[in-house]
Amino acid sequence: MIRAGTMGPMPEPVLDCQDLRKRFGDRVAVDGVGFSIAPSETFGLLGPNGAGKTTTISMICGLLVRDGGTVTVAGRAVDIGQPEAKRAIGYVPQELAIYPELTARENLRFFGELYGMGGPVLRTRVGEILEVIDLGDRADEATDKFSGGMKRRLNIGIGLLHRPQLLVLDEPTVGVDPQSRNAILSSVEQLSDQGMAILYTTHYMEEAERLCDRVAIIDHGQIKAEGTRRELVSLIGQRDRVSLAADGDLPAAAAALASLEGVEEATPRDGGIDLLVVEARSILPRVLETSAVAGASVKRVEIVEPDLEAVFLHLTGRALRD
């Protein structure tokens, strides 16, 4: 596995898993997966369907016996039949785990009782969760009348009932409409801001880029690389492309820009200048200043940054959705 870059000292992790392995007959589903997640961190497992994401999180949550490796959550080992560490985990499966004949409130009460909650504490917490998932006005309707997005939000609410330290979300936006998807992503962002550690699996590159502080690219049961978005992009040596819409002395401006540190190419064209640069957003003020001094007036700037899709293709030889 490639570990992109080096980060500073991390706080004590909420989740630490090492060398996870799982085989189904002759097929190796997970082969040596390991990573850690700190408080307030959203960690993404990015990979296509069948890459090993769900098997990995099933072992992390103690739902599937692992063939090898270790899992620790909130300082306690996670193993089948040992519930202590599991109480620190909120698991939201890819398949909906709600009872359609029950209302949203009844579903939350039922699962809260399974968590060992009850009385006024449970009633208060159910009310809080209904507000978090924005279902307060539909709380007493049977969930078989809910849209797919509403059911997904209720599914997440169930995972949050017992105030877990680690929230595990397995493809939580599959099959939902764009509005519900955005609501789910916004909820995940808020939970991270509140200090929760989140493990988020997805095969949607844009979700990983929006939500995740760090991403592990997983394929064929192995983590191919891990790091921040910028660190992962740096692995493939791609640079940011900057397009300046400008007029004035474009050849002179392009020559001046080419001499700037961090600018690898500067090419004048009809109506502007095209640049290939390192860290476009940090160098942009100098680009604009230099252009003006050289006699070019910049009207518009467009920045195109390489993305995780390009990284995945580079590391695996196939597109993310293949």
Protein backbone atom coordinates (compact mmCIF):
# COMPACT_ATOMS: atom_id res chain seq x y z
CA MET A 1 0.00 0.00 0.00
CA ILE A 2 1.12 3.55 -0.74
CA ARG A 3 0.81 6.00 2.16
CA ALA A 4 0.66 9.45 0.63
CA GLY A 5 2.53 12.17 2.45
CA THR A 6 3.12 12.34 6.16
CA MET A 7 0.67 13.86 8.58
CA GLY A 8 1.46 15.30 12.00
CA PRO A 9 0.90 13.37 15.22
CA MET A 10 -2.67 12.12 15.39
CA PRO A 11 -4.73 12.07 18.58
CA GLU A 12 -5.56 8.71 20.12
CA PRO A 13 -7.62 6.96 17.43
CA VAL A 14 -11.24 6.03 17.94
CA LEU A 15 -10.76 3.16 15.49
CA ASP A 16 -7.58 1.23 14.85
CA CYS A 17 -7.67 -1.83 12.61
CA GLN A 18 -4.63 -3.70 11.35
CA ASP A 19 -4.00 -6.48 8.81
CA LEU A 20 -7.66 -7.47 8.36
CA ARG A 21 -8.11 -10.61 6.28
CA LYS A 22 -11.12 -12.54 5.06
CA ARG A 23 -11.51 -15.36 2.56
CA PHE A 24 -14.71 -16.91 1.21
CA GLY A 25 -13.70 -20.29 -0.19
CA ASP A 26 -11.11 -19.64 -2.87
CA ARG A 27 -11.87 -15.93 -3.07
CA VAL A 28 -9.83 -13.49 -1.01
CA ALA A 29 -12.26 -10.70 -0.11
CA VAL A 30 -10.01 -8.64 2.20
CA ASP A 31 -6.24 -8.92 2.14
CA GLY A 32 -4.28 -7.06 4.82
CA VAL A 33 -6.43 -3.93 5.23
CA GLY A 34 -5.48 -1.52 8.02
CA PHE A 35 -6.08 2.12 8.99
CA SER A 36 -6.94 4.39 11.94
CA ILE A 37 -9.57 7.12 12.44
CA ALA A 38 -9.22 10.00 14.89
CA PRO A 39 -12.02 11.92 16.66
CA SER A 40 -13.77 14.42 14.35
CA GLU A 41 -12.23 12.71 11.32
CA THR A 42 -14.20 11.35 8.38
CA PHE A 43 -12.28 8.52 6.74
CA GLY A 44 -13.43 7.24 3.36
CA LEU A 45 -13.12 3.79 1.83
CA LEU A 46 -13.39 4.51 -1.88
CA GLY A 47 -13.77 1.68 -4.32
CA PRO A 48 -16.12 -0.03 -6.79
CA ASN A 49 -18.77 -2.55 -5.82
CA GLY A 50 -17.09 -5.82 -4.84
CA ALA A 51 -13.83 -4.15 -3.76
CA GLY A 52 -14.09 -5.40 -0.16
CA LYS A 53 -15.61 -2.34 1.52
CA THR A 54 -18.64 -4.02 3.12
CA THR A 55 -16.63 -7.06 4.21
CA THR A 56 -14.08 -4.77 5.84
CA ILE A 57 -16.64 -2.80 7.83
CA SER A 58 -18.51 -5.96 8.81
CA MET A 59 -15.32 -7.20 10.47
CA ILE A 60 -14.74 -3.81 12.09
CA CYS A 61 -18.25 -3.85 13.58
CA GLY A 62 -17.88 -7.41 14.85
CA LEU A 63 -20.57 -8.76 12.54
CA LEU A 64 -18.27 -11.05 10.60
CA VAL A 65 -15.55 -13.33 11.94
CA ARG A 66 -12.21 -12.25 10.51
CA ASP A 67 -9.53 -14.69 9.41
CA GLY A 68 -6.81 -12.40 10.71
CA GLY A 69 -6.02 -8.96 12.04
CA THR A 70 -7.08 -6.78 14.96
CA VAL A 71 -9.78 -4.17 15.55
CA THR A 72 -9.84 -1.71 18.44
CA VAL A 73 -12.62 0.85 18.98
CA ALA A 74 -12.41 3.42 21.78
CA GLY A 75 -9.51 1.48 23.27
CA ARG A 76 -11.31 -1.89 23.38
CA ALA A 77 -10.86 -4.92 21.16
CA VAL A 78 -13.79 -5.79 18.90
CA ASP A 79 -14.58 -9.49 18.63
CA ILE A 80 -17.63 -11.65 18.00
CA GLY A 81 -19.54 -12.20 21.25
CA GLN A 82 -17.87 -9.33 23.13
CA PRO A 83 -20.35 -6.43 23.18
CA GLU A 84 -18.37 -3.84 25.16
CA ALA A 85 -16.51 -2.27 22.24
CA LYS A 86 -19.55 -2.61 19.96
CA ARG A 87 -21.45 -0.14 22.16
CA ALA A 88 -19.11 2.56 20.89
CA ILE A 89 -20.09 1.83 17.27
CA GLY A 90 -23.10 3.08 15.33
CA TYR A 91 -23.51 0.95 12.22
CA VAL A 92 -25.68 2.07 9.29
CA PRO A 93 -25.85 -0.81 6.78
CA GLN A 94 -26.26 -0.47 3.06
CA GLU A 95 -29.56 -2.36 3.22
CA LEU A 96 -32.33 -0.56 5.08
CA ALA A 97 -32.81 -1.89 8.62
CA ILE A 98 -36.20 -0.47 9.58
CA TYR A 99 -39.69 -1.88 10.10
CA PRO A 100 -42.01 -0.39 7.44
CA GLU A 101 -45.20 -0.99 9.42
CA LEU A 102 -43.87 1.09 12.33
CA THR A 103 -43.69 4.89 12.44
CA ALA A 104 -40.36 6.68 12.52
CA ARG A 105 -40.79 7.31 16.25
CA GLU A 106 -41.69 3.67 16.91
CA ASN A 107 -38.68 2.46 14.93
CA LEU A 108 -36.37 4.66 16.97
CA ARG A 109 -37.94 3.54 20.26
CA PHE A 110 -37.64 -0.13 19.28
CA PHE A 111 -33.97 0.10 18.36
CA GLY A 112 -33.27 2.29 21.38
CA GLU A 113 -34.60 -0.46 23.63
CA LEU A 114 -32.31 -2.93 21.87
CA TYR A 115 -29.44 -0.62 22.82
CA GLY A 116 -30.60 -0.86 26.45
CA MET A 117 -32.14 2.60 26.55
CA GLY A 118 -35.54 3.41 28.04
CA GLY A 119 -37.78 5.79 29.94
CA PRO A 120 -37.36 9.57 29.71
CA VAL A 121 -33.80 9.23 28.41
CA LEU A 122 -34.99 7.31 25.38
CA ARG A 123 -37.98 9.61 24.77
CA THR A 124 -35.71 12.64 24.85
CA ARG A 125 -33.12 11.05 22.60
CA VAL A 126 -35.75 9.97 20.05
CA GLY A 127 -36.94 13.57 19.85
CA GLU A 128 -33.40 14.80 19.36
CA ILE A 129 -32.70 12.28 16.60
CA LEU A 130 -35.94 13.14 14.77
CA GLU A 131 -34.72 16.73 14.58
CA VAL A 132 -31.20 15.73 13.50
CA ILE A 133 -32.57 13.67 10.58
CA ASP A 134 -35.26 16.26 9.81
CA LEU A 135 -38.20 13.91 10.27
CA GLY A 136 -39.90 15.62 13.19
CA ASP A 137 -42.97 16.52 11.14
CA ARG A 138 -43.32 12.94 9.85
CA ALA A 139 -42.46 11.16 13.10
CA ASP A 140 -45.82 9.45 13.54
CA GLU A 141 -46.33 8.21 9.98
CA ALA A 142 -45.72 4.60 9.01
CA THR A 143 -42.37 4.42 7.25
CA ASP A 144 -43.74 2.41 4.33
CA LYS A 145 -45.04 5.77 3.09
CA PHE A 146 -41.57 7.36 3.25
CA SER A 147 -39.41 8.14 0.24
CA GLY A 148 -36.11 6.31 -0.19
CA GLY A 149 -34.21 9.32 1.11
CA MET A 150 -36.37 9.59 4.23
CA LYS A 151 -35.84 5.89 4.97
CA ARG A 152 -32.09 6.38 4.58
CA ARG A 153 -32.14 9.28 7.02
CA LEU A 154 -34.09 7.20 9.53
CA ASN A 155 -31.54 4.43 9.08
CA ILE A 156 -28.80 6.90 10.02
CA GLY A 157 -30.81 8.12 12.99
CA ILE A 158 -31.04 4.60 14.37
CA GLY A 159 -27.25 4.35 14.23
CA LEU A 160 -26.92 7.60 16.19
CA LEU A 161 -29.37 6.82 19.01
CA HIS A 162 -26.85 5.59 21.57
CA ARG A 163 -24.33 8.39 20.93
CA PRO A 164 -21.59 6.23 19.38
CA GLN A 165 -17.99 7.38 19.21
CA LEU A 166 -17.60 5.77 15.77
CA LEU A 167 -20.28 5.98 13.09
CA VAL A 168 -19.92 3.48 10.24
CA LEU A 169 -21.85 4.35 7.08
CA ASP A 170 -21.96 1.78 4.28
CA GLU A 171 -22.95 3.43 0.97
CA PRO A 172 -25.66 5.56 2.68
CA THR A 173 -26.78 7.42 -0.45
CA VAL A 174 -27.37 4.48 -2.79
CA GLY A 175 -30.71 4.79 -4.56
CA VAL A 176 -31.75 8.19 -3.19
CA ASP A 177 -32.75 11.33 -5.05
CA PRO A 178 -30.30 14.26 -5.35
CA GLN A 179 -32.07 16.38 -2.71
CA SER A 180 -32.06 13.57 -0.12
CA ARG A 181 -28.49 12.75 -1.01
CA ASN A 182 -27.39 16.30 -0.30
CA ALA A 183 -29.30 16.25 3.02
CA ILE A 184 -27.50 13.05 4.05
CA LEU A 185 -24.09 14.46 3.13
CA SER A 186 -24.82 17.66 5.06
CA SER A 187 -25.79 15.59 8.12
CA VAL A 188 -22.53 13.66 7.94
CA GLU A 189 -20.56 16.93 7.76
CA GLN A 190 -22.33 18.22 10.88
CA LEU A 191 -21.65 15.02 12.83
CA SER A 192 -17.95 15.25 12.05
CA ASP A 193 -17.92 18.88 13.16
CA GLN A 194 -19.41 17.73 16.47
CA GLY A 195 -16.47 15.41 17.15
CA MET A 196 -17.68 12.05 15.87
CA ALA A 197 -15.28 9.71 14.08
CA ILE A 198 -16.87 8.51 10.83
CA LEU A 199 -16.00 5.62 8.54
CA TYR A 200 -17.69 6.24 5.19
CA THR A 201 -17.72 3.75 2.34
CA THR A 202 -18.69 4.84 -1.14
CA HIS A 203 -18.09 4.29 -4.81
CA TYR A 204 -18.99 7.92 -5.55
CA MET A 205 -15.80 9.91 -5.98
CA GLU A 206 -17.53 13.25 -5.44
CA GLU A 207 -18.82 12.13 -2.02
CA ALA A 208 -15.34 11.15 -0.89
CA GLU A 209 -13.93 14.47 -2.08
CA ARG A 210 -16.64 16.45 -0.28
CA LEU A 211 -16.72 14.61 3.04
CA CYS A 212 -13.49 12.84 3.78
CA ASP A 213 -10.42 14.19 5.57
CA ARG A 214 -8.51 11.11 4.40
CA VAL A 215 -9.33 8.47 1.82
CA ALA A 216 -8.18 4.90 1.32
CA ILE A 217 -8.55 3.58 -2.21
CA ILE A 218 -9.51 -0.09 -2.00
CA ASP A 219 -9.63 -2.58 -4.86
CA HIS A 220 -9.63 -6.39 -4.90
CA GLY A 221 -9.56 -6.43 -1.10
CA GLN A 222 -6.39 -4.36 -0.77
CA ILE A 223 -5.79 -0.71 0.08
CA LYS A 224 -3.81 0.67 -2.83
CA ALA A 225 -3.14 4.10 -1.33
CA GLU A 226 -4.17 6.24 1.62
CA GLY A 227 -3.98 9.95 2.36
CA THR A 228 -5.65 13.32 1.98
CA ARG A 229 -7.08 14.21 -1.40
CA ARG A 230 -4.09 16.43 -2.19
CA GLU A 231 -1.62 13.77 -1.05
CA LEU A 232 -3.27 11.12 -3.21
CA VAL A 233 -3.32 13.36 -6.26
CA SER A 234 0.38 14.08 -5.78
CA LEU A 235 1.11 10.37 -6.20
CA ILE A 236 0.37 10.53 -9.90
CA GLY A 237 2.29 13.73 -10.51
CA GLN A 238 -0.63 15.65 -11.95
CA ARG A 239 -0.72 19.41 -11.74
CA ASP A 240 -3.51 21.95 -11.61
CA ARG A 241 -4.57 23.56 -14.87
CA VAL A 242 -5.36 27.28 -14.78
CA SER A 243 -7.08 29.08 -17.62
CA LEU A 244 -6.90 32.89 -17.65
CA ALA A 245 -9.32 34.83 -19.81
CA ALA A 246 -7.35 38.00 -20.47
CA ASP A 247 -6.43 40.70 -22.96
CA GLY A 248 -3.37 42.92 -23.39
CA ASP A 249 0.20 41.76 -23.99
CA LEU A 250 -0.45 38.03 -23.59
CA PRO A 251 2.93 36.76 -24.89
CA ALA A 252 4.81 39.02 -22.46
CA ALA A 253 2.54 37.98 -19.58
CA ALA A 254 2.98 34.30 -20.42
CA ALA A 255 6.76 34.70 -20.44
CA ALA A 256 6.66 36.44 -17.06
CA LEU A 257 4.36 33.80 -15.58
CA ALA A 258 6.61 30.98 -16.82
CA SER A 259 9.39 32.34 -14.62
CA LEU A 260 7.32 32.08 -11.42
CA GLU A 261 8.14 29.30 -8.96
CA GLY A 262 5.40 26.70 -9.17
CA VAL A 263 4.45 27.46 -12.79
CA GLU A 264 5.57 24.64 -15.07
CA GLU A 265 3.99 25.87 -18.31
CA ALA A 266 2.46 29.15 -19.48
CA THR A 267 1.04 29.25 -22.99
CA PRO A 268 -0.60 32.30 -24.59
CA ARG A 269 -3.68 31.71 -26.73
CA ASP A 270 -6.36 33.77 -28.37
CA GLY A 271 -8.14 35.53 -25.52
CA GLY A 272 -6.05 34.26 -22.65
CA ILE A 273 -3.23 32.18 -21.15
CA ASP A 274 -3.18 28.51 -20.13
CA LEU A 275 -1.03 27.46 -17.16
CA LEU A 276 0.14 24.19 -15.67
CA VAL A 277 0.97 24.83 -12.03
CA VAL A 278 1.61 23.29 -8.62
CA GLU A 279 -0.99 24.24 -5.97
CA ALA A 280 -3.02 26.67 -8.08
CA ARG A 281 -4.97 28.22 -5.22
CA SER A 282 -1.85 29.19 -3.31
CA ILE A 283 -0.05 30.63 -6.34
CA LEU A 284 -3.03 32.46 -7.83
CA PRO A 285 -2.39 35.88 -6.17
CA ARG A 286 1.14 35.96 -7.64
CA VAL A 287 -0.22 34.90 -11.04
CA LEU A 288 -2.67 37.80 -11.10
CA GLU A 289 -0.08 40.31 -9.89
CA THR A 290 2.55 39.17 -12.40
CA SER A 291 0.03 39.24 -15.26
CA ALA A 292 -0.92 42.83 -14.46
CA VAL A 293 2.69 44.00 -14.20
CA ALA A 294 3.47 42.36 -17.58
CA GLY A 295 0.61 44.17 -19.29
CA ALA A 296 -2.23 41.66 -19.28
CA SER A 297 -5.69 42.34 -17.80
CA VAL A 298 -7.25 39.16 -16.39
CA LYS A 299 -11.05 39.02 -16.71
CA ARG A 300 -11.76 35.49 -15.49
CA VAL A 301 -9.93 32.56 -13.88
CA GLU A 302 -10.81 28.87 -14.14
CA ILE A 303 -8.99 26.22 -12.10
CA VAL A 304 -9.22 22.52 -12.90
CA GLU A 305 -7.69 20.28 -10.23
CA PRO A 306 -6.98 16.56 -10.73
CA ASP A 307 -9.43 14.36 -8.83
CA LEU A 308 -9.64 11.00 -7.08
CA GLU A 309 -11.08 9.41 -10.21
CA ALA A 310 -7.74 10.00 -11.94
CA VAL A 311 -5.88 8.58 -8.95
CA PHE A 312 -8.06 5.47 -8.90
CA LEU A 313 -7.56 4.89 -12.62
CA HIS A 314 -3.79 5.30 -12.20
CA LEU A 315 -3.55 2.87 -9.28
CA THR A 316 -5.96 0.18 -10.47
CA GLY A 317 -5.96 0.46 -14.24
CA ARG A 318 -9.74 0.82 -14.38
CA ALA A 319 -12.38 3.48 -13.90
CA LEU A 320 -14.02 3.78 -10.49
CA ARG A 321 -17.40 2.52 -11.69
CA ASP A 322 -16.14 -0.40 -13.79
